Amino acid sequence: MNLREKQMQMTKELIKEAALGLFCTQGIERTDMAQIAGQAGVSRRTLYLHYKDKEDLAAKLYVDNLERMFGRLLFDFDFARPVPSLEKILDQYLALKDHHEALIYYDAIFGVYYSTLSKDPAELPDFKRAMEVWYSRYINLETAAVAPEYQKKWLDLLQKSTHLYFMYLQKSVILSHQRGASVTEEDRAADRQFKDFIMAGVRAT
């Protein structure tokens, strides 16, 4: 990657960071491209050089966030150490909420925003391409040298446990935004307690 390409990538990241902050604080529908350009410290011309409109930017941000939230974490699973590796993945979800809460919140508000446009995120070309990559990684899990029934059991537990925990964390983030308060130690304790509840169920199977 040459210097120009690096500069363009840095500009795109600045734009996405600015857009994420504005979308989460005032809503996607109430944010316009001029505000995003101002927040990112770039000209509107530069902004439109990278993204054709707000919808394009919002959609690309959504897919990028999914990659950070799901596209990497699930594939750390290890059939040789299923319980500790699953717990490690849940801990990564918890760390995501602690340090990148906006990603989880944005996942929720983008779904609502896109539905108001009568569109389905699954139809996004970037989403389809990401799914192809994730599926290929998932296939690697399915080709592990373990007994089929053992594999099926743990892949099922992996999917259900991570989905359940993400839904819980997303609800927790939405509630904290609605009450306009920062996350408390009581909230963090409840998050850890729910993770322990899931792991207790995993260990009991």
Protein backbone atom coordinates (compact mmCIF):
# COMPACT_ATOMS: atom_id res chain seq x y z
CA MET A 1 0.00 0.00 0.00
CA ASN A 2 1.55 3.29 -1.11
CA LEU A 3 1.32 6.62 0.73
CA ARG A 4 -1.73 7.84 -1.21
CA GLU A 5 -3.60 4.61 -0.52
CA LYS A 6 -2.73 4.84 3.17
CA GLN A 7 -3.99 8.43 3.31
CA MET A 8 -7.24 7.43 1.60
CA GLN A 9 -7.71 4.57 4.04
CA MET A 10 -7.09 6.88 7.00
CA THR A 11 -9.63 9.35 5.61
CA LYS A 12 -12.23 6.59 5.23
CA GLU A 13 -11.64 5.52 8.82
CA LEU A 14 -12.04 9.12 10.05
CA ILE A 15 -15.30 9.39 8.14
CA LYS A 16 -16.64 6.10 9.49
CA GLU A 17 -15.68 7.01 13.05
CA ALA A 18 -17.41 10.39 12.73
CA ALA A 19 -20.50 8.85 11.15
CA LEU A 20 -20.76 6.15 13.81
CA GLY A 21 -20.65 8.75 16.58
CA LEU A 22 -23.29 10.95 14.96
CA PHE A 23 -25.56 8.06 13.98
CA CYS A 24 -25.51 6.71 17.54
CA THR A 25 -26.07 10.05 19.27
CA GLN A 26 -28.69 11.64 17.05
CA GLY A 27 -29.94 8.81 14.84
CA ILE A 28 -29.20 7.93 11.23
CA GLU A 29 -32.29 9.67 9.86
CA ARG A 30 -31.42 12.97 11.61
CA THR A 31 -27.81 13.01 10.45
CA ASP A 32 -26.78 14.47 7.10
CA MET A 33 -23.60 14.29 5.05
CA ALA A 34 -22.62 17.88 5.84
CA GLN A 35 -22.58 17.08 9.57
CA ILE A 36 -20.48 13.97 8.96
CA ALA A 37 -17.98 15.90 6.84
CA GLY A 38 -17.70 18.57 9.54
CA GLN A 39 -17.25 16.01 12.31
CA ALA A 40 -14.62 14.13 10.31
CA GLY A 41 -12.79 17.34 9.35
CA VAL A 42 -13.02 16.68 5.62
CA SER A 43 -14.68 18.52 2.76
CA ARG A 44 -18.03 17.36 1.43
CA ARG A 45 -16.30 16.68 -1.88
CA THR A 46 -13.89 14.30 -0.12
CA LEU A 47 -16.79 12.63 1.67
CA TYR A 48 -18.66 12.01 -1.58
CA LEU A 49 -15.46 10.72 -3.17
CA HIS A 50 -15.63 7.77 -0.77
CA TYR A 51 -19.39 7.34 -0.27
CA LYS A 52 -22.13 8.17 -2.77
CA ASP A 53 -24.69 9.13 -0.09
CA LYS A 54 -25.66 8.67 3.56
CA GLU A 55 -27.37 5.36 2.90
CA ASP A 56 -24.23 3.98 1.25
CA LEU A 57 -22.09 5.11 4.20
CA ALA A 58 -24.54 3.73 6.77
CA ALA A 59 -24.68 0.35 5.01
CA LYS A 60 -20.90 0.02 4.65
CA LEU A 61 -20.48 0.93 8.32
CA TYR A 62 -23.02 -1.75 9.24
CA VAL A 63 -21.17 -4.49 7.34
CA ASP A 64 -17.78 -3.37 8.72
CA ASN A 65 -19.18 -3.53 12.23
CA LEU A 66 -20.57 -7.01 11.66
CA GLU A 67 -17.12 -8.13 10.60
CA ARG A 68 -15.66 -6.77 13.83
CA MET A 69 -18.42 -8.30 15.95
CA PHE A 70 -19.00 -11.67 14.29
CA GLY A 71 -16.68 -12.18 11.36
CA ARG A 72 -13.66 -12.75 13.56
CA LEU A 73 -14.78 -13.92 16.96
CA LEU A 74 -16.67 -17.13 16.19
CA PHE A 75 -13.78 -18.70 14.38
CA ASP A 76 -11.54 -18.80 17.44
CA PHE A 77 -13.50 -21.87 18.52
CA ASP A 78 -11.34 -24.92 19.30
CA PHE A 79 -12.92 -28.39 19.32
CA ALA A 80 -10.01 -29.65 21.44
CA ARG A 81 -10.93 -27.19 24.21
CA PRO A 82 -14.62 -26.44 23.59
CA VAL A 83 -15.68 -25.03 26.97
CA PRO A 84 -12.76 -22.62 27.57
CA SER A 85 -12.70 -21.50 23.93
CA LEU A 86 -16.45 -20.78 23.97
CA GLU A 87 -16.07 -18.85 27.21
CA LYS A 88 -13.21 -16.87 25.65
CA ILE A 89 -15.49 -15.91 22.76
CA LEU A 90 -18.21 -14.74 25.16
CA ASP A 91 -15.57 -12.74 27.06
CA GLN A 92 -14.64 -11.08 23.75
CA TYR A 93 -18.28 -10.10 23.26
CA LEU A 94 -18.29 -8.62 26.75
CA ALA A 95 -15.07 -6.71 26.00
CA LEU A 96 -16.72 -5.45 22.83
CA LYS A 97 -19.53 -3.95 24.87
CA ASP A 98 -17.11 -2.48 27.42
CA HIS A 99 -14.83 -0.83 24.85
CA HIS A 100 -16.90 -0.51 21.65
CA GLU A 101 -20.48 -0.20 22.83
CA ALA A 102 -21.38 1.91 19.79
CA LEU A 103 -20.88 -1.08 17.49
CA ILE A 104 -23.55 -3.07 19.30
CA TYR A 105 -25.92 -0.12 19.47
CA TYR A 106 -25.44 0.70 15.80
CA ASP A 107 -26.36 -2.85 14.82
CA ALA A 108 -29.77 -2.25 16.40
CA ILE A 109 -30.47 1.22 15.04
CA PHE A 110 -29.34 0.36 11.52
CA GLY A 111 -31.84 -2.49 11.38
CA VAL A 112 -34.64 -0.09 12.32
CA TYR A 113 -33.42 2.58 9.88
CA TYR A 114 -33.14 0.15 6.98
CA SER A 115 -36.59 -1.28 7.63
CA THR A 116 -38.05 2.24 7.29
CA LEU A 117 -36.58 2.23 3.76
CA SER A 118 -38.34 -1.11 3.14
CA LYS A 119 -34.96 -2.73 2.58
CA ASP A 120 -33.29 -5.86 3.92
CA PRO A 121 -29.62 -5.69 5.03
CA ALA A 122 -29.18 -9.25 3.75
CA GLU A 123 -29.63 -7.92 0.21
CA LEU A 124 -26.65 -5.58 0.46
CA PRO A 125 -23.84 -6.64 -1.93
CA ASP A 126 -21.22 -6.00 0.79
CA PHE A 127 -23.22 -8.11 3.22
CA LYS A 128 -23.42 -10.98 0.73
CA ARG A 129 -19.67 -10.82 0.12
CA ALA A 130 -19.00 -10.82 3.86
CA MET A 131 -21.30 -13.81 4.30
CA GLU A 132 -19.33 -15.74 1.67
CA VAL A 133 -16.12 -15.10 3.63
CA TRP A 134 -17.74 -16.04 6.94
CA TYR A 135 -19.21 -19.19 5.42
CA SER A 136 -15.81 -20.28 4.14
CA ARG A 137 -14.41 -19.84 7.65
CA TYR A 138 -17.33 -21.80 9.05
CA ILE A 139 -16.64 -24.62 6.59
CA ASN A 140 -13.15 -24.84 8.08
CA LEU A 141 -14.76 -25.53 11.45
CA GLU A 142 -16.94 -28.20 9.88
CA THR A 143 -13.93 -29.96 8.38
CA ALA A 144 -12.24 -30.42 11.76
CA ALA A 145 -11.16 -34.01 12.45
CA VAL A 146 -13.76 -34.76 15.13
CA ALA A 147 -16.71 -37.14 15.34
CA PRO A 148 -19.79 -35.77 13.49
CA GLU A 149 -22.07 -35.91 16.54
CA TYR A 150 -19.45 -34.15 18.69
CA GLN A 151 -18.99 -31.49 16.01
CA LYS A 152 -22.74 -30.96 15.64
CA LYS A 153 -23.20 -30.60 19.39
CA TRP A 154 -20.53 -27.94 19.80
CA LEU A 155 -21.32 -25.96 16.67
CA ASP A 156 -24.94 -25.83 17.82
CA LEU A 157 -23.87 -24.67 21.30
CA LEU A 158 -21.50 -22.12 19.76
CA GLN A 159 -24.24 -20.59 17.60
CA LYS A 160 -26.92 -20.56 20.27
CA SER A 161 -24.69 -19.28 23.08
CA THR A 162 -23.14 -16.44 21.10
CA HIS A 163 -26.48 -15.39 19.63
CA LEU A 164 -28.15 -15.42 23.04
CA TYR A 165 -25.36 -13.39 24.64
CA PHE A 166 -25.25 -10.85 21.83
CA MET A 167 -29.03 -10.34 22.02
CA TYR A 168 -28.72 -9.82 25.77
CA LEU A 169 -25.86 -7.32 25.38
CA GLN A 170 -27.67 -5.46 22.63
CA LYS A 171 -30.78 -5.11 24.79
CA SER A 172 -28.60 -3.90 27.67
CA VAL A 173 -26.97 -1.26 25.44
CA ILE A 174 -30.34 -0.06 24.11
CA LEU A 175 -31.74 0.29 27.63
CA SER A 176 -28.73 2.29 28.82
CA HIS A 177 -29.12 4.64 25.84
CA GLN A 178 -32.82 5.05 26.54
CA ARG A 179 -32.23 6.04 30.13
CA GLY A 180 -29.39 8.34 29.08
CA ALA A 181 -27.03 7.01 31.69
CA SER A 182 -23.51 5.64 31.53
CA VAL A 183 -22.84 1.97 32.24
CA THR A 184 -22.60 1.25 35.97
CA GLU A 185 -20.74 -1.42 37.89
CA GLU A 186 -24.12 -2.99 38.56
CA ASP A 187 -24.66 -3.23 34.78
CA ARG A 188 -21.25 -4.84 34.31
CA ALA A 189 -21.94 -7.32 37.09
CA ALA A 190 -25.24 -8.27 35.43
CA ASP A 191 -23.43 -8.78 32.11
CA ARG A 192 -20.91 -11.12 33.74
CA GLN A 193 -23.67 -12.92 35.60
CA PHE A 194 -25.57 -13.61 32.38
CA LYS A 195 -22.39 -14.91 30.76
CA ASP A 196 -21.88 -17.24 33.72
CA PHE A 197 -25.51 -18.38 33.38
CA ILE A 198 -24.89 -19.32 29.73
CA MET A 199 -21.67 -21.14 30.56
CA ALA A 200 -23.37 -23.07 33.38
CA GLY A 201 -25.86 -24.33 30.79
CA VAL A 202 -23.02 -25.24 28.40
CA ARG A 203 -21.17 -27.20 31.08
CA ALA A 204 -24.35 -29.05 32.03
CA THR A 205 -24.89 -30.40 28.49
